[in-house]
Amino acid sequence: MAEDMGMETGVCDDRVGWAQLRGESGEKHLATVTHLDVVPAGKGW
């Protein structure tokens, strides 16, 4: 999805992925860190 929006993407060690938009300097990063895994759904749904 990120690539379809025109972002640069990458994967590190098959564990962490990122989508980025380069800033003016390219020297500093401002990041939001999230996760896409979930715990088992459990009961009650």
All heavy atoms as atom14 arrays in JSON, in Angstrom:
{
  "sequence": "MAEDMGMETGVCDDRVGWAQLRGESGEKHLATVTHLDVVPAGKGW",
  "atom14_mask": [
    [1, 1, 1, 1, 1, 1, 1, 1, 0, 0, 0, 0, 0, 0],
    [1, 1, 1, 1, 1, 0, 0, 0, 0, 0, 0, 0, 0, 0],
    [1, 1, 1, 1, 1, 1, 1, 1, 1, 0, 0, 0, 0, 0],
    [1, 1, 1, 1, 1, 1, 1, 1, 0, 0, 0, 0, 0, 0],
    [1, 1, 1, 1, 1, 1, 1, 1, 0, 0, 0, 0, 0, 0],
    [1, 1, 1, 1, 0, 0, 0, 0, 0, 0, 0, 0, 0, 0],
    [1, 1, 1, 1, 1, 1, 1, 1, 0, 0, 0, 0, 0, 0],
    [1, 1, 1, 1, 1, 1, 1, 1, 1, 0, 0, 0, 0, 0],
    [1, 1, 1, 1, 1, 1, 1, 0, 0, 0, 0, 0, 0, 0],
    [1, 1, 1, 1, 0, 0, 0, 0, 0, 0, 0, 0, 0, 0],
    [1, 1, 1, 1, 1, 1, 1, 0, 0, 0, 0, 0, 0, 0],
    [1, 1, 1, 1, 1, 1, 0, 0, 0, 0, 0, 0, 0, 0],
    [1, 1, 1, 1, 1, 1, 1, 1, 0, 0, 0, 0, 0, 0],
    [1, 1, 1, 1, 1, 1, 1, 1, 0, 0, 0, 0, 0, 0],
    [1, 1, 1, 1, 1, 1, 1, 1, 1, 1, 1, 0, 0, 0],
    [1, 1, 1, 1, 1, 1, 1, 0, 0, 0, 0, 0, 0, 0],
    [1, 1, 1, 1, 0, 0, 0, 0, 0, 0, 0, 0, 0, 0],
    [1, 1, 1, 1, 1, 1, 1, 1, 1, 1, 1, 1, 1, 1],
    [1, 1, 1, 1, 1, 0, 0, 0, 0, 0, 0, 0, 0, 0],
    [1, 1, 1, 1, 1, 1, 1, 1, 1, 0, 0, 0, 0, 0],
    [1, 1, 1, 1, 1, 1, 1, 1, 0, 0, 0, 0, 0, 0],
    [1, 1, 1, 1, 1, 1, 1, 1, 1, 1, 1, 0, 0, 0],
    [1, 1, 1, 1, 0, 0, 0, 0, 0, 0, 0, 0, 0, 0],
    [1, 1, 1, 1, 1, 1, 1, 1, 1, 0, 0, 0, 0, 0],
    [1, 1, 1, 1, 1, 1, 0, 0, 0, 0, 0, 0, 0, 0],
    [1, 1, 1, 1, 0, 0, 0, 0, 0, 0, 0, 0, 0, 0],
    [1, 1, 1, 1, 1, 1, 1, 1, 1, 0, 0, 0, 0, 0],
    [1, 1, 1, 1, 1, 1, 1, 1, 1, 0, 0, 0, 0, 0],
    [1, 1, 1, 1, 1, 1, 1, 1, 1, 1, 0, 0, 0, 0],
    [1, 1, 1, 1, 1, 1, 1, 1, 0, 0, 0, 0, 0, 0],
    [1, 1, 1, 1, 1, 0, 0, 0, 0, 0, 0, 0, 0, 0],
    [1, 1, 1, 1, 1, 1, 1, 0, 0, 0, 0, 0, 0, 0],
    [1, 1, 1, 1, 1, 1, 1, 0, 0, 0, 0, 0, 0, 0],
    [1, 1, 1, 1, 1, 1, 1, 0, 0, 0, 0, 0, 0, 0],
    [1, 1, 1, 1, 1, 1, 1, 1, 1, 1, 0, 0, 0, 0],
    [1, 1, 1, 1, 1, 1, 1, 1, 0, 0, 0, 0, 0, 0],
    [1, 1, 1, 1, 1, 1, 1, 1, 0, 0, 0, 0, 0, 0],
    [1, 1, 1, 1, 1, 1, 1, 0, 0, 0, 0, 0, 0, 0],
    [1, 1, 1, 1, 1, 1, 1, 0, 0, 0, 0, 0, 0, 0],
    [1, 1, 1, 1, 1, 1, 1, 0, 0, 0, 0, 0, 0, 0],
    [1, 1, 1, 1, 1, 0, 0, 0, 0, 0, 0, 0, 0, 0],
    [1, 1, 1, 1, 0, 0, 0, 0, 0, 0, 0, 0, 0, 0],
    [1, 1, 1, 1, 1, 1, 1, 1, 1, 0, 0, 0, 0, 0],
    [1, 1, 1, 1, 0, 0, 0, 0, 0, 0, 0, 0, 0, 0],
    [1, 1, 1, 1, 1, 1, 1, 1, 1, 1, 1, 1, 1, 1]
  ],
  "atom14_positions": [
    [[0.83, -1.2, 0.0], [0.0, 0.0, 0.0], [0.87, 1.25, 0.0], [0.58, 2.23, -0.71], [-0.91, 0.0, 1.23], [-1.96, -1.08, 1.25], [-2.96, -0.92, 2.75], [-3.88, -2.44, 2.7], [0.0, 0.0, 0.0], [0.0, 0.0, 0.0], [0.0, 0.0, 0.0], [0.0, 0.0, 0.0], [0.0, 0.0, 0.0], [0.0, 0.0, 0.0]],
    [[1.93, 1.24, 0.81], [2.82, 2.39, 0.88], [3.47, 2.66, -0.48], [3.58, 3.82, -0.9], [3.89, 2.16, 1.95], [0.0, 0.0, 0.0], [0.0, 0.0, 0.0], [0.0, 0.0, 0.0], [0.0, 0.0, 0.0], [0.0, 0.0, 0.0], [0.0, 0.0, 0.0], [0.0, 0.0, 0.0], [0.0, 0.0, 0.0], [0.0, 0.0, 0.0]],
    [[3.88, 1.61, -1.15], [4.49, 1.79, -2.47], [3.48, 2.35, -3.46], [3.84, 3.19, -4.3], [5.05, 0.45, -2.95], [6.27, -0.02, -2.15], [6.67, -1.44, -2.49], [6.02, -2.05, -3.38], [7.62, -1.96, -1.86], [0.0, 0.0, 0.0], [0.0, 0.0, 0.0], [0.0, 0.0, 0.0], [0.0, 0.0, 0.0], [0.0, 0.0, 0.0]],
    [[2.24, 1.9, -3.38], [1.21, 2.43, -4.27], [0.98, 3.92, -4.03], [0.55, 4.64, -4.94], [-0.11, 1.68, -4.06], [-0.06, 0.25, -4.59], [0.84, -0.05, -5.39], [-0.92, -0.56, -4.18], [0.0, 0.0, 0.0], [0.0, 0.0, 0.0], [0.0, 0.0, 0.0], [0.0, 0.0, 0.0], [0.0, 0.0, 0.0], [0.0, 0.0, 0.0]],
    [[1.27, 4.4, -2.82], [1.15, 5.82, -2.5], [2.4, 6.61, -2.88], [2.44, 7.82, -2.7], [0.87, 6.0, -1.0], [-0.46, 5.47, -0.54], [-0.67, 5.72, 1.25], [-2.24, 4.88, 1.54], [0.0, 0.0, 0.0], [0.0, 0.0, 0.0], [0.0, 0.0, 0.0], [0.0, 0.0, 0.0], [0.0, 0.0, 0.0], [0.0, 0.0, 0.0]],
    [[3.42, 5.9, -3.38], [4.63, 6.58, -3.8], [5.71, 6.69, -2.74], [6.66, 7.47, -2.9], [0.0, 0.0, 0.0], [0.0, 0.0, 0.0], [0.0, 0.0, 0.0], [0.0, 0.0, 0.0], [0.0, 0.0, 0.0], [0.0, 0.0, 0.0], [0.0, 0.0, 0.0], [0.0, 0.0, 0.0], [0.0, 0.0, 0.0], [0.0, 0.0, 0.0]],
    [[5.6, 5.9, -1.66], [6.6, 5.93, -0.61], [7.78, 5.0, -0.95], [7.62, 4.01, -1.67], [6.01, 5.48, 0.74], [4.72, 6.14, 1.11], [4.86, 7.92, 1.3], [3.13, 8.32, 1.56], [0.0, 0.0, 0.0], [0.0, 0.0, 0.0], [0.0, 0.0, 0.0], [0.0, 0.0, 0.0], [0.0, 0.0, 0.0], [0.0, 0.0, 0.0]],
    [[8.93, 5.32, -0.39], [10.05, 4.39, -0.4], [9.83, 3.39, 0.73], [9.42, 3.76, 1.82], [11.36, 5.13, -0.19], [11.7, 6.14, -1.26], [13.0, 6.86, -0.94], [13.91, 6.23, -0.35], [13.11, 8.05, -1.27], [0.0, 0.0, 0.0], [0.0, 0.0, 0.0], [0.0, 0.0, 0.0], [0.0, 0.0, 0.0], [0.0, 0.0, 0.0]],
    [[10.11, 2.12, 0.45], [9.91, 1.1, 1.48], [11.13, 0.21, 1.58], [11.98, 0.17, 0.69], [8.68, 0.23, 1.17], [8.91, -0.51, -0.04], [7.42, 1.07, 1.01], [0.0, 0.0, 0.0], [0.0, 0.0, 0.0], [0.0, 0.0, 0.0], [0.0, 0.0, 0.0], [0.0, 0.0, 0.0], [0.0, 0.0, 0.0], [0.0, 0.0, 0.0]],
    [[11.21, -0.53, 2.66], [12.3, -1.47, 2.84], [11.98, -2.43, 3.96], [11.05, -2.23, 4.74], [0.0, 0.0, 0.0], [0.0, 0.0, 0.0], [0.0, 0.0, 0.0], [0.0, 0.0, 0.0], [0.0, 0.0, 0.0], [0.0, 0.0, 0.0], [0.0, 0.0, 0.0], [0.0, 0.0, 0.0], [0.0, 0.0, 0.0], [0.0, 0.0, 0.0]],
    [[12.77, -3.5, 4.03], [12.62, -4.52, 5.07], [14.01, -4.83, 5.62], [14.97, -4.98, 4.86], [11.97, -5.81, 4.53], [11.89, -6.87, 5.62], [10.58, -5.51, 3.97], [0.0, 0.0, 0.0], [0.0, 0.0, 0.0], [0.0, 0.0, 0.0], [0.0, 0.0, 0.0], [0.0, 0.0, 0.0], [0.0, 0.0, 0.0], [0.0, 0.0, 0.0]],
    [[14.11, -4.91, 6.93], [15.39, -5.21, 7.58], [15.31, -6.59, 8.24], [14.45, -6.81, 9.11], [15.72, -4.14, 8.62], [17.25, -4.42, 9.53], [0.0, 0.0, 0.0], [0.0, 0.0, 0.0], [0.0, 0.0, 0.0], [0.0, 0.0, 0.0], [0.0, 0.0, 0.0], [0.0, 0.0, 0.0], [0.0, 0.0, 0.0], [0.0, 0.0, 0.0]],
    [[16.17, -7.49, 7.82], [16.31, -8.79, 8.47], [15.0, -9.57, 8.49], [14.79, -10.42, 9.36], [16.85, -8.6, 9.9], [17.44, -9.88, 10.48], [17.9, -10.74, 9.7], [17.43, -10.02, 11.72], [0.0, 0.0, 0.0], [0.0, 0.0, 0.0], [0.0, 0.0, 0.0], [0.0, 0.0, 0.0], [0.0, 0.0, 0.0], [0.0, 0.0, 0.0]],
    [[14.12, -9.28, 7.55], [12.82, -9.94, 7.45], [11.95, -9.73, 8.69], [10.94, -10.43, 8.86], [12.98, -11.45, 7.2], [13.56, -11.74, 5.82], [13.16, -11.07, 4.87], [14.44, -12.63, 5.73], [0.0, 0.0, 0.0], [0.0, 0.0, 0.0], [0.0, 0.0, 0.0], [0.0, 0.0, 0.0], [0.0, 0.0, 0.0], [0.0, 0.0, 0.0]],
    [[12.32, -8.77, 9.53], [11.61, -8.56, 10.79], [10.9, -7.21, 10.87], [9.84, -7.1, 11.47], [12.57, -8.69, 11.98], [13.24, -10.05, 12.09], [14.31, -10.06, 13.17], [15.03, -11.33, 13.19], [14.65, -12.4, 13.88], [13.56, -12.33, 14.63], [15.34, -13.52, 13.84], [0.0, 0.0, 0.0], [0.0, 0.0, 0.0], [0.0, 0.0, 0.0]],
    [[11.5, -6.21, 10.31], [11.01, -4.84, 10.44], [10.9, -4.23, 9.05], [11.82, -4.34, 8.24], [11.95, -3.98, 11.3], [11.43, -2.55, 11.39], [12.09, -4.59, 12.7], [0.0, 0.0, 0.0], [0.0, 0.0, 0.0], [0.0, 0.0, 0.0], [0.0, 0.0, 0.0], [0.0, 0.0, 0.0], [0.0, 0.0, 0.0], [0.0, 0.0, 0.0]],
    [[9.79, -3.59, 8.77], [9.63, -2.89, 7.51], [9.42, -1.41, 7.76], [9.06, -0.99, 8.86], [0.0, 0.0, 0.0], [0.0, 0.0, 0.0], [0.0, 0.0, 0.0], [0.0, 0.0, 0.0], [0.0, 0.0, 0.0], [0.0, 0.0, 0.0], [0.0, 0.0, 0.0], [0.0, 0.0, 0.0], [0.0, 0.0, 0.0], [0.0, 0.0, 0.0]],
    [[9.64, -0.6, 6.73], [9.41, 0.83, 6.88], [8.94, 1.42, 5.56], [9.2, 0.9, 4.47], [10.66, 1.55, 7.37], [11.79, 1.6, 6.37], [11.99, 2.53, 5.38], [12.86, 0.66, 6.24], [13.11, 2.23, 4.67], [13.68, 1.09, 5.17], [13.2, -0.5, 6.94], [14.81, 0.39, 4.78], [14.33, -1.2, 6.53], [15.12, -0.75, 5.47]],
    [[8.21, 2.5, 5.69], [7.83, 3.34, 4.55], [8.29, 4.74, 4.91], [8.08, 5.2, 6.03], [6.32, 3.31, 4.33], [0.0, 0.0, 0.0], [0.0, 0.0, 0.0], [0.0, 0.0, 0.0], [0.0, 0.0, 0.0], [0.0, 0.0, 0.0], [0.0, 0.0, 0.0], [0.0, 0.0, 0.0], [0.0, 0.0, 0.0], [0.0, 0.0, 0.0]],
    [[8.93, 5.41, 3.96], [9.49, 6.71, 4.29], [9.26, 7.73, 3.21], [9.08, 7.42, 2.03], [10.99, 6.6, 4.56], [11.84, 6.25, 3.36], [13.32, 6.2, 3.71], [13.71, 6.26, 4.87], [14.16, 6.12, 2.71], [0.0, 0.0, 0.0], [0.0, 0.0, 0.0], [0.0, 0.0, 0.0], [0.0, 0.0, 0.0], [0.0, 0.0, 0.0]],
    [[9.24, 8.97, 3.67], [9.16, 10.14, 2.82], [10.35, 11.01, 3.18], [10.48, 11.43, 4.34], [7.84, 10.88, 3.08], [7.48, 12.04, 2.17], [7.36, 11.58, 0.73], [6.19, 12.69, 2.63], [0.0, 0.0, 0.0], [0.0, 0.0, 0.0], [0.0, 0.0, 0.0], [0.0, 0.0, 0.0], [0.0, 0.0, 0.0], [0.0, 0.0, 0.0]],
    [[11.21, 11.25, 2.24], [12.45, 11.96, 2.55], [12.17, 13.43, 2.85], [11.36, 14.08, 2.19], [13.44, 11.85, 1.39], [13.96, 10.43, 1.21], [15.09, 10.37, 0.2], [15.56, 9.0, 0.06], [16.49, 8.45, 0.82], [17.05, 9.17, 1.79], [16.87, 7.19, 0.64], [0.0, 0.0, 0.0], [0.0, 0.0, 0.0], [0.0, 0.0, 0.0]],
    [[12.87, 13.95, 3.86], [12.76, 15.36, 4.22], [13.75, 16.2, 3.45], [14.34, 15.76, 2.45], [0.0, 0.0, 0.0], [0.0, 0.0, 0.0], [0.0, 0.0, 0.0], [0.0, 0.0, 0.0], [0.0, 0.0, 0.0], [0.0, 0.0, 0.0], [0.0, 0.0, 0.0], [0.0, 0.0, 0.0], [0.0, 0.0, 0.0], [0.0, 0.0, 0.0]],
    [[13.98, 17.43, 3.92], [14.83, 18.36, 3.2], [16.31, 18.0, 3.3], [17.05, 18.08, 2.33], [14.61, 19.78, 3.72], [13.22, 20.32, 3.37], [13.04, 21.74, 3.85], [13.68, 22.12, 4.85], [12.27, 22.48, 3.22], [0.0, 0.0, 0.0], [0.0, 0.0, 0.0], [0.0, 0.0, 0.0], [0.0, 0.0, 0.0], [0.0, 0.0, 0.0]],
    [[16.76, 17.61, 4.48], [18.19, 17.38, 4.66], [18.59, 15.93, 4.4], [19.69, 15.66, 3.93], [18.61, 17.76, 6.09], [18.06, 16.85, 7.02], [0.0, 0.0, 0.0], [0.0, 0.0, 0.0], [0.0, 0.0, 0.0], [0.0, 0.0, 0.0], [0.0, 0.0, 0.0], [0.0, 0.0, 0.0], [0.0, 0.0, 0.0], [0.0, 0.0, 0.0]],
    [[17.7, 15.0, 4.71], [18.04, 13.59, 4.57], [18.96, 13.09, 5.66], [19.37, 11.93, 5.64], [0.0, 0.0, 0.0], [0.0, 0.0, 0.0], [0.0, 0.0, 0.0], [0.0, 0.0, 0.0], [0.0, 0.0, 0.0], [0.0, 0.0, 0.0], [0.0, 0.0, 0.0], [0.0, 0.0, 0.0], [0.0, 0.0, 0.0], [0.0, 0.0, 0.0]],
    [[19.29, 13.93, 6.64], [20.24, 13.55, 7.68], [19.56, 13.14, 8.97], [20.14, 12.41, 9.77], [21.2, 14.71, 7.95], [22.05, 15.09, 6.73], [22.93, 16.29, 6.99], [22.8, 16.87, 8.09], [23.74, 16.64, 6.12], [0.0, 0.0, 0.0], [0.0, 0.0, 0.0], [0.0, 0.0, 0.0], [0.0, 0.0, 0.0], [0.0, 0.0, 0.0]],
    [[18.35, 13.64, 9.22], [17.64, 13.33, 10.45], [16.34, 12.64, 10.11], [15.77, 12.83, 9.04], [17.38, 14.6, 11.26], [18.64, 15.28, 11.76], [18.3, 16.5, 12.6], [19.55, 17.16, 13.15], [19.24, 18.35, 13.98], [0.0, 0.0, 0.0], [0.0, 0.0, 0.0], [0.0, 0.0, 0.0], [0.0, 0.0, 0.0], [0.0, 0.0, 0.0]],
    [[15.87, 11.83, 11.05], [14.64, 11.07, 10.84], [13.64, 11.36, 11.97], [14.02, 11.45, 13.14], [14.93, 9.56, 10.81], [15.73, 9.13, 9.63], [17.09, 9.3, 9.56], [15.36, 8.54, 8.45], [17.53, 8.82, 8.4], [16.52, 8.36, 7.73], [0.0, 0.0, 0.0], [0.0, 0.0, 0.0], [0.0, 0.0, 0.0], [0.0, 0.0, 0.0]],
    [[12.41, 11.52, 11.59], [11.31, 11.58, 12.54], [10.44, 10.37, 12.25], [9.93, 10.22, 11.14], [10.51, 12.87, 12.36], [9.25, 13.01, 13.22], [9.61, 13.01, 14.69], [8.5, 14.28, 12.84], [0.0, 0.0, 0.0], [0.0, 0.0, 0.0], [0.0, 0.0, 0.0], [0.0, 0.0, 0.0], [0.0, 0.0, 0.0], [0.0, 0.0, 0.0]],
    [[10.31, 9.49, 13.22], [9.66, 8.2, 12.96], [8.46, 7.98, 13.87], [8.44, 8.43, 15.01], [10.66, 7.07, 13.15], [0.0, 0.0, 0.0], [0.0, 0.0, 0.0], [0.0, 0.0, 0.0], [0.0, 0.0, 0.0], [0.0, 0.0, 0.0], [0.0, 0.0, 0.0], [0.0, 0.0, 0.0], [0.0, 0.0, 0.0], [0.0, 0.0, 0.0]],
    [[7.46, 7.3, 13.34], [6.4, 6.72, 14.16], [6.59, 5.21, 14.11], [6.73, 4.65, 13.02], [5.0, 7.11, 13.64], [4.87, 6.68, 12.28], [4.79, 8.6, 13.72], [0.0, 0.0, 0.0], [0.0, 0.0, 0.0], [0.0, 0.0, 0.0], [0.0, 0.0, 0.0], [0.0, 0.0, 0.0], [0.0, 0.0, 0.0], [0.0, 0.0, 0.0]],
    [[6.6, 4.59, 15.26], [6.87, 3.16, 15.34], [5.58, 2.44, 15.74], [4.99, 2.74, 16.79], [7.99, 2.86, 16.36], [8.27, 1.36, 16.42], [9.26, 3.63, 16.0], [0.0, 0.0, 0.0], [0.0, 0.0, 0.0], [0.0, 0.0, 0.0], [0.0, 0.0, 0.0], [0.0, 0.0, 0.0], [0.0, 0.0, 0.0], [0.0, 0.0, 0.0]],
    [[5.13, 1.53, 14.9], [3.9, 0.78, 15.16], [4.16, -0.71, 14.91], [5.26, -1.1, 14.52], [2.76, 1.26, 14.24], [3.09, 0.95, 12.87], [2.55, 2.76, 14.36], [0.0, 0.0, 0.0], [0.0, 0.0, 0.0], [0.0, 0.0, 0.0], [0.0, 0.0, 0.0], [0.0, 0.0, 0.0], [0.0, 0.0, 0.0], [0.0, 0.0, 0.0]],
    [[3.15, -1.52, 15.14], [3.29, -2.95, 14.86], [2.02, -3.48, 14.22], [0.92, -2.93, 14.41], [3.61, -3.74, 16.15], [2.52, -3.69, 17.17], [1.48, -4.61, 17.19], [2.29, -2.85, 18.21], [0.67, -4.34, 18.2], [1.13, -3.27, 18.83], [0.0, 0.0, 0.0], [0.0, 0.0, 0.0], [0.0, 0.0, 0.0], [0.0, 0.0, 0.0]],
    [[2.17, -4.56, 13.46], [1.05, -5.13, 12.71], [0.66, -6.52, 13.19], [-0.29, -7.11, 12.65], [1.4, -5.18, 11.21], [1.65, -3.83, 10.54], [2.18, -4.03, 9.13], [0.37, -3.0, 10.52], [0.0, 0.0, 0.0], [0.0, 0.0, 0.0], [0.0, 0.0, 0.0], [0.0, 0.0, 0.0], [0.0, 0.0, 0.0], [0.0, 0.0, 0.0]],
    [[1.38, -7.06, 14.16], [0.99, -8.36, 14.71], [-0.1, -8.16, 15.74], [-0.29, -7.07, 16.28], [2.21, -9.06, 15.33], [2.78, -8.27, 16.49], [2.95, -7.03, 16.35], [3.06, -8.87, 17.55], [0.0, 0.0, 0.0], [0.0, 0.0, 0.0], [0.0, 0.0, 0.0], [0.0, 0.0, 0.0], [0.0, 0.0, 0.0], [0.0, 0.0, 0.0]],
    [[-0.85, -9.22, 16.0], [-1.92, -9.17, 17.0], [-1.84, -10.42, 17.87], [-1.25, -11.43, 17.47], [-3.32, -9.1, 16.33], [-3.49, -7.79, 15.59], [-3.56, -10.29, 15.4], [0.0, 0.0, 0.0], [0.0, 0.0, 0.0], [0.0, 0.0, 0.0], [0.0, 0.0, 0.0], [0.0, 0.0, 0.0], [0.0, 0.0, 0.0], [0.0, 0.0, 0.0]],
    [[-2.44, -10.33, 19.03], [-2.57, -11.52, 19.88], [-3.78, -12.31, 19.41], [-4.64, -11.79, 18.69], [-2.71, -11.13, 21.37], [-1.47, -10.4, 21.85], [-3.94, -10.25, 21.6], [0.0, 0.0, 0.0], [0.0, 0.0, 0.0], [0.0, 0.0, 0.0], [0.0, 0.0, 0.0], [0.0, 0.0, 0.0], [0.0, 0.0, 0.0], [0.0, 0.0, 0.0]],
    [[-3.89, -13.58, 19.79], [-5.06, -14.37, 19.36], [-6.37, -13.69, 19.72], [-6.47, -12.98, 20.73], [-4.88, -15.68, 20.12], [-3.38, -15.79, 20.32], [-2.92, -14.39, 20.55], [0.0, 0.0, 0.0], [0.0, 0.0, 0.0], [0.0, 0.0, 0.0], [0.0, 0.0, 0.0], [0.0, 0.0, 0.0], [0.0, 0.0, 0.0], [0.0, 0.0, 0.0]],
    [[-7.37, -13.89, 18.88], [-8.63, -13.15, 19.02], [-9.37, -13.49, 20.3], [-10.04, -12.64, 20.89], [-9.53, -13.44, 17.81], [0.0, 0.0, 0.0], [0.0, 0.0, 0.0], [0.0, 0.0, 0.0], [0.0, 0.0, 0.0], [0.0, 0.0, 0.0], [0.0, 0.0, 0.0], [0.0, 0.0, 0.0], [0.0, 0.0, 0.0], [0.0, 0.0, 0.0]],
    [[-9.27, -14.72, 20.78], [-9.99, -15.09, 21.99], [-11.49, -15.21, 21.78], [-11.97, -15.24, 20.64], [0.0, 0.0, 0.0], [0.0, 0.0, 0.0], [0.0, 0.0, 0.0], [0.0, 0.0, 0.0], [0.0, 0.0, 0.0], [0.0, 0.0, 0.0], [0.0, 0.0, 0.0], [0.0, 0.0, 0.0], [0.0, 0.0, 0.0], [0.0, 0.0, 0.0]],
    [[-12.23, -15.26, 22.86], [-13.68, -15.48, 22.8], [-14.42, -14.16, 23.02], [-13.86, -13.16, 23.42], [-14.09, -16.49, 23.88], [-13.44, -17.86, 23.72], [-13.87, -18.8, 24.84], [-13.22, -20.17, 24.68], [-13.62, -21.1, 25.78], [0.0, 0.0, 0.0], [0.0, 0.0, 0.0], [0.0, 0.0, 0.0], [0.0, 0.0, 0.0], [0.0, 0.0, 0.0]],
    [[-15.72, -14.2, 22.75], [-16.58, -13.07, 23.03], [-16.9, -12.19, 21.85], [-17.64, -11.21, 21.99], [0.0, 0.0, 0.0], [0.0, 0.0, 0.0], [0.0, 0.0, 0.0], [0.0, 0.0, 0.0], [0.0, 0.0, 0.0], [0.0, 0.0, 0.0], [0.0, 0.0, 0.0], [0.0, 0.0, 0.0], [0.0, 0.0, 0.0], [0.0, 0.0, 0.0]],
    [[-16.38, -12.52, 20.69], [-16.66, -11.72, 19.5], [-18.05, -12.02, 18.97], [-18.46, -13.18, 18.9], [-15.63, -12.0, 18.41], [-14.27, -11.47, 18.72], [-13.31, -12.07, 19.47], [-13.72, -10.22, 18.29], [-12.19, -11.27, 19.55], [-12.41, -10.13, 18.82], [-14.2, -9.18, 17.5], [-11.59, -9.03, 18.59], [-13.38, -8.08, 17.26], [-12.09, -8.01, 17.81]]
  ]
}
